[in-house]
Amino acid sequence: MPKAVAAAKAGQRYEPRSAKGTQTRAKLVRAAKLVFERDGMLNARITDISKRAKVSYGAFYHYFDSKEDLFREVAEAQEERLTAPPDEDDPPNPRGTVEDRIRDANRRYLQRYRDEAALMGKIEQASRYDPHVNSVRMASQRHFAERSERAIARLKAEGRADPRVNPAIAADALGAMVGRFAELWLTQGYKEYDFDEVVEQLSLLWANAIGVRPPEPPPQTPKPRRKGSVD
């Protein structure tokens, strides 16, 4: 039994020990990403993946149990890119306003989604029928929702968001808005929009939905009156 098959049956991922094995496995993953982007999980063929990776058909099974197993790994890697923290090319602005932070987060997500729109379309499709891919997709949604929930709760505690808002429900609803909009727009071709305008409009809706309020100005200390001064 190939090691990849044995690992899959044990619920584990097979990792080659040699440098050559690691390189071959990485070649298969890169090739598979391109084939899956074009054909999707159901229509992709192991023969096409192997040819593109310049690996024999039989060698494929040394590293992966099936094309479904490989697709799931490709999907996991993409979800990790979506949820990764800001990088040096897109650093956060610690001095930005609440609106700035909302805009930055939405821009980052939409940019990363757009960069891999072809693959994301296939992942969205597979999530409808593959439980593993669906769980990976839902894990990303929970990641963003939990982060948003904490931010909304903090704003409420500071008196900077509508006190009637339930942070958990708002975070799930607003995350679904951005996620579903991205799918309709970037993978299904529902309508054409300007990228920057989408970022601005979704961020405006996000901020308005939770009732973002400006910070209270610090209380002013009255200046001491000079002796003999007249008001």
C-alpha atoms as a PDB file:
ATOM      1  CA  MET A   1       0.000   0.000   0.000  1.00  0.00           C
ATOM      2  CA  PRO A   2       1.436   3.437  -0.943  1.00  0.00           C
ATOM      3  CA  LYS A   3       2.463   5.530   2.039  1.00  0.00           C
ATOM      4  CA  ALA A   4       0.093   8.313   1.011  1.00  0.00           C
ATOM      5  CA  VAL A   5      -2.866   5.924   1.005  1.00  0.00           C
ATOM      6  CA  ALA A   6      -1.918   4.515   4.422  1.00  0.00           C
ATOM      7  CA  ALA A   7      -1.576   8.037   5.834  1.00  0.00           C
ATOM      8  CA  ALA A   8      -4.936   9.079   4.376  1.00  0.00           C
ATOM      9  CA  LYS A   9      -6.676   6.087   5.914  1.00  0.00           C
ATOM     10  CA  ALA A  10      -5.178   7.038   9.266  1.00  0.00           C
ATOM     11  CA  GLY A  11      -6.494  10.594   8.853  1.00  0.00           C
ATOM     12  CA  GLN A  12      -2.998  12.004   8.417  1.00  0.00           C
ATOM     13  CA  ARG A  13      -1.106  13.863   5.707  1.00  0.00           C
ATOM     14  CA  TYR A  14       1.849  12.075   4.173  1.00  0.00           C
ATOM     15  CA  GLU A  15       5.020  14.149   4.307  1.00  0.00           C
ATOM     16  CA  PRO A  16       8.048  12.804   2.377  1.00  0.00           C
ATOM     17  CA  ARG A  17      11.317  12.596   4.279  1.00  0.00           C
ATOM     18  CA  SER A  18      13.779  13.248   1.459  1.00  0.00           C
ATOM     19  CA  ALA A  19      14.438  16.621  -0.164  1.00  0.00           C
ATOM     20  CA  LYS A  20      13.646  15.125  -3.569  1.00  0.00           C
ATOM     21  CA  GLY A  21      10.357  13.744  -2.276  1.00  0.00           C
ATOM     22  CA  THR A  22       9.433  17.134  -0.814  1.00  0.00           C
ATOM     23  CA  GLN A  23      10.189  18.824  -4.144  1.00  0.00           C
ATOM     24  CA  THR A  24       8.155  16.269  -6.104  1.00  0.00           C
ATOM     25  CA  ARG A  25       5.216  16.676  -3.778  1.00  0.00           C
ATOM     26  CA  ALA A  26       5.395  20.465  -4.094  1.00  0.00           C
ATOM     27  CA  LYS A  27       5.461  20.149  -7.903  1.00  0.00           C
ATOM     28  CA  LEU A  28       2.285  18.071  -7.772  1.00  0.00           C
ATOM     29  CA  VAL A  29       0.559  20.666  -5.573  1.00  0.00           C
ATOM     30  CA  ARG A  30       1.540  23.536  -7.898  1.00  0.00           C
ATOM     31  CA  ALA A  31       0.447  21.617 -10.979  1.00  0.00           C
ATOM     32  CA  ALA A  32      -2.800  20.557  -9.345  1.00  0.00           C
ATOM     33  CA  LYS A  33      -3.676  24.146  -8.482  1.00  0.00           C
ATOM     34  CA  LEU A  34      -3.524  25.100 -12.160  1.00  0.00           C
ATOM     35  CA  VAL A  35      -5.514  22.060 -13.283  1.00  0.00           C
ATOM     36  CA  PHE A  36      -8.136  22.550 -10.571  1.00  0.00           C
ATOM     37  CA  GLU A  37      -8.484  26.233 -11.487  1.00  0.00           C
ATOM     38  CA  ARG A  38      -9.260  25.189 -15.040  1.00  0.00           C
ATOM     39  CA  ASP A  39     -11.310  22.021 -14.539  1.00  0.00           C
ATOM     40  CA  GLY A  40     -12.545  21.954 -10.946  1.00  0.00           C
ATOM     41  CA  MET A  41     -12.293  18.990  -8.610  1.00  0.00           C
ATOM     42  CA  LEU A  42     -14.828  16.747 -10.352  1.00  0.00           C
ATOM     43  CA  ASN A  43     -13.470  17.130 -13.890  1.00  0.00           C
ATOM     44  CA  ALA A  44      -9.752  17.291 -13.130  1.00  0.00           C
ATOM     45  CA  ARG A  45      -7.747  14.223 -14.110  1.00  0.00           C
ATOM     46  CA  ILE A  46      -4.758  12.785 -12.306  1.00  0.00           C
ATOM     47  CA  THR A  47      -3.171  12.228 -15.727  1.00  0.00           C
ATOM     48  CA  ASP A  48      -3.263  15.976 -16.442  1.00  0.00           C
ATOM     49  CA  ILE A  49      -1.857  16.829 -13.009  1.00  0.00           C
ATOM     50  CA  SER A  50       0.954  14.307 -13.358  1.00  0.00           C
ATOM     51  CA  LYS A  51       1.872  15.496 -16.852  1.00  0.00           C
ATOM     52  CA  ARG A  52       1.960  19.130 -15.805  1.00  0.00           C
ATOM     53  CA  ALA A  53       4.113  18.251 -12.806  1.00  0.00           C
ATOM     54  CA  LYS A  54       6.303  15.985 -14.995  1.00  0.00           C
ATOM     55  CA  VAL A  55       5.689  13.108 -12.594  1.00  0.00           C
ATOM     56  CA  SER A  56       4.598   9.605 -13.557  1.00  0.00           C
ATOM     57  CA  TYR A  57       0.977   8.606 -13.024  1.00  0.00           C
ATOM     58  CA  GLY A  58       2.021   5.867 -10.629  1.00  0.00           C
ATOM     59  CA  ALA A  59       4.228   8.222  -8.617  1.00  0.00           C
ATOM     60  CA  PHE A  60       1.191  10.408  -7.893  1.00  0.00           C
ATOM     61  CA  TYR A  61      -0.130   7.772  -5.484  1.00  0.00           C
ATOM     62  CA  HIS A  62       3.128   7.773  -3.586  1.00  0.00           C
ATOM     63  CA  TYR A  63       2.169  11.233  -2.323  1.00  0.00           C
ATOM     64  CA  PHE A  64      -1.617  11.444  -2.498  1.00  0.00           C
ATOM     65  CA  ASP A  65      -4.488   9.064  -1.978  1.00  0.00           C
ATOM     66  CA  SER A  66      -6.688  10.650  -4.666  1.00  0.00           C
ATOM     67  CA  LYS A  67      -7.297  13.854  -6.592  1.00  0.00           C
ATOM     68  CA  GLU A  68      -9.879  14.755  -3.929  1.00  0.00           C
ATOM     69  CA  ASP A  69      -7.178  14.456  -1.272  1.00  0.00           C
ATOM     70  CA  LEU A  70      -4.945  16.776  -3.290  1.00  0.00           C
ATOM     71  CA  PHE A  71      -7.745  19.277  -3.943  1.00  0.00           C
ATOM     72  CA  ARG A  72      -8.442  19.481  -0.217  1.00  0.00           C
ATOM     73  CA  GLU A  73      -4.823  20.360   0.427  1.00  0.00           C
ATOM     74  CA  VAL A  74      -4.865  23.033  -2.268  1.00  0.00           C
ATOM     75  CA  ALA A  75      -8.067  24.446  -0.763  1.00  0.00           C
ATOM     76  CA  GLU A  76      -6.555  24.496   2.733  1.00  0.00           C
ATOM     77  CA  ALA A  77      -3.518  26.403   1.471  1.00  0.00           C
ATOM     78  CA  GLN A  78      -5.738  28.993  -0.194  1.00  0.00           C
ATOM     79  CA  GLU A  79      -7.837  29.486   2.938  1.00  0.00           C
ATOM     80  CA  GLU A  80      -4.622  30.008   4.891  1.00  0.00           C
ATOM     81  CA  ARG A  81      -3.678  32.773   2.453  1.00  0.00           C
ATOM     82  CA  LEU A  82      -7.071  34.413   2.917  1.00  0.00           C
ATOM     83  CA  THR A  83      -6.793  34.449   6.699  1.00  0.00           C
ATOM     84  CA  ALA A  84      -3.090  35.278   6.963  1.00  0.00           C
ATOM     85  CA  PRO A  85      -2.228  38.477   8.869  1.00  0.00           C
ATOM     86  CA  PRO A  86      -1.166  41.604   6.968  1.00  0.00           C
ATOM     87  CA  ASP A  87       2.221  41.293   5.290  1.00  0.00           C
ATOM     88  CA  GLU A  88       4.956  43.817   4.596  1.00  0.00           C
ATOM     89  CA  ASP A  89       3.305  44.801   1.319  1.00  0.00           C
ATOM     90  CA  ASP A  90       0.049  45.649   3.107  1.00  0.00           C
ATOM     91  CA  PRO A  91       0.888  46.691   6.677  1.00  0.00           C
ATOM     92  CA  PRO A  92      -1.894  47.717   9.055  1.00  0.00           C
ATOM     93  CA  ASN A  93      -2.271  51.335  10.087  1.00  0.00           C
ATOM     94  CA  PRO A  94      -2.279  51.344  13.904  1.00  0.00           C
ATOM     95  CA  ARG A  95      -3.241  55.025  13.978  1.00  0.00           C
ATOM     96  CA  GLY A  96      -6.170  54.657  11.603  1.00  0.00           C
ATOM     97  CA  THR A  97      -9.765  55.316  12.573  1.00  0.00           C
ATOM     98  CA  VAL A  98     -12.313  52.551  13.039  1.00  0.00           C
ATOM     99  CA  GLU A  99     -13.495  53.180   9.492  1.00  0.00           C
ATOM    100  CA  ASP A 100      -9.901  52.907   8.262  1.00  0.00           C
ATOM    101  CA  ARG A 101      -9.450  49.531   9.949  1.00  0.00           C
ATOM    102  CA  ILE A 102     -12.722  48.219   8.519  1.00  0.00           C
ATOM    103  CA  ARG A 103     -11.693  49.406   5.060  1.00  0.00           C
ATOM    104  CA  ASP A 104      -8.216  47.875   5.346  1.00  0.00           C
ATOM    105  CA  ALA A 105      -9.618  44.503   6.420  1.00  0.00           C
ATOM    106  CA  ASN A 106     -12.181  44.429   3.614  1.00  0.00           C
ATOM    107  CA  ARG A 107      -9.623  45.494   1.027  1.00  0.00           C
ATOM    108  CA  ARG A 108      -7.185  42.813   2.140  1.00  0.00           C
ATOM    109  CA  TYR A 109      -9.803  40.054   1.972  1.00  0.00           C
ATOM    110  CA  LEU A 110     -11.198  41.126  -1.392  1.00  0.00           C
ATOM    111  CA  GLN A 111      -7.732  41.578  -2.879  1.00  0.00           C
ATOM    112  CA  ARG A 112      -6.637  38.107  -1.824  1.00  0.00           C
ATOM    113  CA  TYR A 113      -9.905  36.629  -3.033  1.00  0.00           C
ATOM    114  CA  ARG A 114      -9.596  38.403  -6.384  1.00  0.00           C
ATOM    115  CA  ASP A 115      -5.979  37.302  -6.814  1.00  0.00           C
ATOM    116  CA  GLU A 116      -7.140  33.666  -6.725  1.00  0.00           C
ATOM    117  CA  ALA A 117     -10.670  34.110  -8.072  1.00  0.00           C
ATOM    118  CA  ALA A 118     -10.438  31.127 -10.454  1.00  0.00           C
ATOM    119  CA  LEU A 119      -9.440  28.781  -7.632  1.00  0.00           C
ATOM    120  CA  MET A 120     -11.887  30.338  -5.178  1.00  0.00           C
ATOM    121  CA  GLY A 121     -14.715  29.651  -7.607  1.00  0.00           C
ATOM    122  CA  LYS A 122     -13.811  25.956  -7.641  1.00  0.00           C
ATOM    123  CA  ILE A 123     -13.476  25.892  -3.839  1.00  0.00           C
ATOM    124  CA  GLU A 124     -16.898  27.511  -3.433  1.00  0.00           C
ATOM    125  CA  GLN A 125     -18.380  24.881  -5.770  1.00  0.00           C
ATOM    126  CA  ALA A 126     -16.706  21.967  -3.997  1.00  0.00           C
ATOM    127  CA  SER A 127     -17.809  23.250  -0.592  1.00  0.00           C
ATOM    128  CA  ARG A 128     -21.408  22.503  -1.627  1.00  0.00           C
ATOM    129  CA  TYR A 129     -20.784  18.752  -1.842  1.00  0.00           C
ATOM    130  CA  ASP A 130     -17.466  17.942  -0.139  1.00  0.00           C
ATOM    131  CA  PRO A 131     -17.700  18.023   3.688  1.00  0.00           C
ATOM    132  CA  HIS A 132     -13.958  18.531   4.146  1.00  0.00           C
ATOM    133  CA  VAL A 133     -13.766  21.498   1.772  1.00  0.00           C
ATOM    134  CA  ASN A 134     -16.893  22.934   3.385  1.00  0.00           C
ATOM    135  CA  SER A 135     -15.345  22.646   6.836  1.00  0.00           C
ATOM    136  CA  VAL A 136     -12.233  24.462   5.624  1.00  0.00           C
ATOM    137  CA  ARG A 137     -14.369  27.225   4.064  1.00  0.00           C
ATOM    138  CA  MET A 138     -16.413  27.557   7.279  1.00  0.00           C
ATOM    139  CA  ALA A 139     -13.232  27.717   9.355  1.00  0.00           C
ATOM    140  CA  SER A 140     -12.207  30.827   7.434  1.00  0.00           C
ATOM    141  CA  GLN A 141     -15.620  32.391   7.973  1.00  0.00           C
ATOM    142  CA  ARG A 142     -15.400  31.680  11.705  1.00  0.00           C
ATOM    143  CA  HIS A 143     -11.917  33.175  11.811  1.00  0.00           C
ATOM    144  CA  PHE A 144     -13.153  36.482  10.415  1.00  0.00           C
ATOM    145  CA  ALA A 145     -16.401  36.425  12.417  1.00  0.00           C
ATOM    146  CA  GLU A 146     -14.650  35.833  15.735  1.00  0.00           C
ATOM    147  CA  ARG A 147     -12.195  38.637  15.043  1.00  0.00           C
ATOM    148  CA  SER A 148     -15.037  40.992  14.068  1.00  0.00           C
ATOM    149  CA  GLU A 149     -17.076  39.977  17.116  1.00  0.00           C
ATOM    150  CA  ARG A 150     -14.219  40.943  19.422  1.00  0.00           C
ATOM    151  CA  ALA A 151     -13.794  44.284  17.659  1.00  0.00           C
ATOM    152  CA  ILE A 152     -17.515  45.102  17.808  1.00  0.00           C
ATOM    153  CA  ALA A 153     -17.701  44.164  21.488  1.00  0.00           C
ATOM    154  CA  ARG A 154     -14.741  46.407  22.201  1.00  0.00           C
ATOM    155  CA  LEU A 155     -16.325  49.321  20.352  1.00  0.00           C
ATOM    156  CA  LYS A 156     -19.556  48.846  22.310  1.00  0.00           C
ATOM    157  CA  ALA A 157     -17.636  48.853  25.593  1.00  0.00           C
ATOM    158  CA  GLU A 158     -15.984  52.114  24.528  1.00  0.00           C
ATOM    159  CA  GLY A 159     -19.349  53.645  23.625  1.00  0.00           C
ATOM    160  CA  ARG A 160     -18.361  53.823  19.967  1.00  0.00           C
ATOM    161  CA  ALA A 161     -20.934  51.418  18.500  1.00  0.00           C
ATOM    162  CA  ASP A 162     -24.709  51.104  18.721  1.00  0.00           C
ATOM    163  CA  PRO A 163     -25.440  49.526  22.142  1.00  0.00           C
ATOM    164  CA  ARG A 164     -28.326  47.540  20.630  1.00  0.00           C
ATOM    165  CA  VAL A 165     -26.016  45.555  18.330  1.00  0.00           C
ATOM    166  CA  ASN A 166     -25.357  41.907  19.193  1.00  0.00           C
ATOM    167  CA  PRO A 167     -21.636  41.453  18.346  1.00  0.00           C
ATOM    168  CA  ALA A 168     -21.914  37.755  17.451  1.00  0.00           C
ATOM    169  CA  ILE A 169     -24.910  38.145  15.127  1.00  0.00           C
ATOM    170  CA  ALA A 170     -23.534  41.323  13.565  1.00  0.00           C
ATOM    171  CA  ALA A 171     -20.151  39.701  12.916  1.00  0.00           C
ATOM    172  CA  ASP A 172     -21.732  36.664  11.236  1.00  0.00           C
ATOM    173  CA  ALA A 173     -24.110  38.765   9.149  1.00  0.00           C
ATOM    174  CA  LEU A 174     -21.490  41.259   7.999  1.00  0.00           C
ATOM    175  CA  GLY A 175     -18.980  38.516   7.262  1.00  0.00           C
ATOM    176  CA  ALA A 176     -21.597  36.740   5.162  1.00  0.00           C
ATOM    177  CA  MET A 177     -22.289  39.985   3.304  1.00  0.00           C
ATOM    178  CA  VAL A 178     -18.654  40.449   2.302  1.00  0.00           C
ATOM    179  CA  GLY A 179     -18.058  36.762   1.586  1.00  0.00           C
ATOM    180  CA  ARG A 180     -21.148  36.224  -0.540  1.00  0.00           C
ATOM    181  CA  PHE A 181     -20.626  39.502  -2.384  1.00  0.00           C
ATOM    182  CA  ALA A 182     -17.072  38.404  -3.239  1.00  0.00           C
ATOM    183  CA  GLU A 183     -18.342  35.079  -4.585  1.00  0.00           C
ATOM    184  CA  LEU A 184     -21.103  36.622  -6.716  1.00  0.00           C
ATOM    185  CA  TRP A 185     -18.888  39.384  -8.040  1.00  0.00           C
ATOM    186  CA  LEU A 186     -15.486  37.727  -8.469  1.00  0.00           C
ATOM    187  CA  THR A 187     -16.315  34.119  -9.317  1.00  0.00           C
ATOM    188  CA  GLN A 188     -19.814  34.104 -10.787  1.00  0.00           C
ATOM    189  CA  GLY A 189     -19.601  37.292 -12.808  1.00  0.00           C
ATOM    190  CA  TYR A 190     -22.884  38.602 -11.441  1.00  0.00           C
ATOM    191  CA  LYS A 191     -22.007  42.245 -12.206  1.00  0.00           C
ATOM    192  CA  GLU A 192     -18.985  44.376 -12.990  1.00  0.00           C
ATOM    193  CA  TYR A 193     -17.859  46.842 -10.356  1.00  0.00           C
ATOM    194  CA  ASP A 194     -14.861  49.046  -9.713  1.00  0.00           C
ATOM    195  CA  PHE A 195     -12.704  47.402  -7.046  1.00  0.00           C
ATOM    196  CA  ASP A 196     -12.060  50.541  -4.993  1.00  0.00           C
ATOM    197  CA  GLU A 197     -15.732  51.479  -5.027  1.00  0.00           C
ATOM    198  CA  VAL A 198     -16.701  48.022  -3.784  1.00  0.00           C
ATOM    199  CA  VAL A 199     -14.243  48.343  -0.915  1.00  0.00           C
ATOM    200  CA  GLU A 200     -15.617  51.754   0.011  1.00  0.00           C
ATOM    201  CA  GLN A 201     -19.274  50.742  -0.217  1.00  0.00           C
ATOM    202  CA  LEU A 202     -18.956  47.474   1.713  1.00  0.00           C
ATOM    203  CA  SER A 203     -16.931  49.249   4.381  1.00  0.00           C
ATOM    204  CA  LEU A 204     -19.525  52.025   4.625  1.00  0.00           C
ATOM    205  CA  LEU A 205     -22.303  49.445   5.032  1.00  0.00           C
ATOM    206  CA  TRP A 206     -20.216  47.601   7.631  1.00  0.00           C
ATOM    207  CA  ALA A 207     -19.571  50.730   9.699  1.00  0.00           C
ATOM    208  CA  ASN A 208     -23.166  51.963   9.429  1.00  0.00           C
ATOM    209  CA  ALA A 209     -24.550  48.564  10.414  1.00  0.00           C
ATOM    210  CA  ILE A 210     -22.866  48.659  13.809  1.00  0.00           C
ATOM    211  CA  GLY A 211     -23.386  52.388  14.271  1.00  0.00           C
ATOM    212  CA  VAL A 212     -19.727  53.426  14.450  1.00  0.00           C
ATOM    213  CA  ARG A 213     -19.396  56.649  16.405  1.00  0.00           C
ATOM    214  CA  PRO A 214     -16.416  59.007  16.616  1.00  0.00           C
ATOM    215  CA  PRO A 215     -14.462  58.955  19.872  1.00  0.00           C
ATOM    216  CA  GLU A 216     -15.553  61.387  22.533  1.00  0.00           C
ATOM    217  CA  PRO A 217     -13.281  64.435  22.623  1.00  0.00           C
ATOM    218  CA  PRO A 218     -11.259  64.684  25.825  1.00  0.00           C
ATOM    219  CA  PRO A 219     -12.742  67.057  28.402  1.00  0.00           C
ATOM    220  CA  GLN A 220     -11.214  70.487  28.282  1.00  0.00           C
ATOM    221  CA  THR A 221      -9.669  71.815  31.441  1.00  0.00           C
ATOM    222  CA  PRO A 222     -10.633  75.463  31.955  1.00  0.00           C
ATOM    223  CA  LYS A 223      -7.690  77.792  31.808  1.00  0.00           C
ATOM    224  CA  PRO A 224      -6.908  79.525  35.141  1.00  0.00           C
ATOM    225  CA  ARG A 225      -7.989  83.140  35.207  1.00  0.00           C
ATOM    226  CA  ARG A 226      -5.265  85.686  35.579  1.00  0.00           C
ATOM    227  CA  LYS A 227      -5.474  87.980  38.538  1.00  0.00           C
ATOM    228  CA  GLY A 228      -7.259  91.161  37.659  1.00  0.00           C
ATOM    229  CA  SER A 229      -8.616  89.806  34.356  1.00  0.00           C
ATOM    230  CA  VAL A 230     -12.091  90.794  33.250  1.00  0.00           C
ATOM    231  CA  ASP A 231     -14.393  88.349  31.390  1.00  0.00           C
END
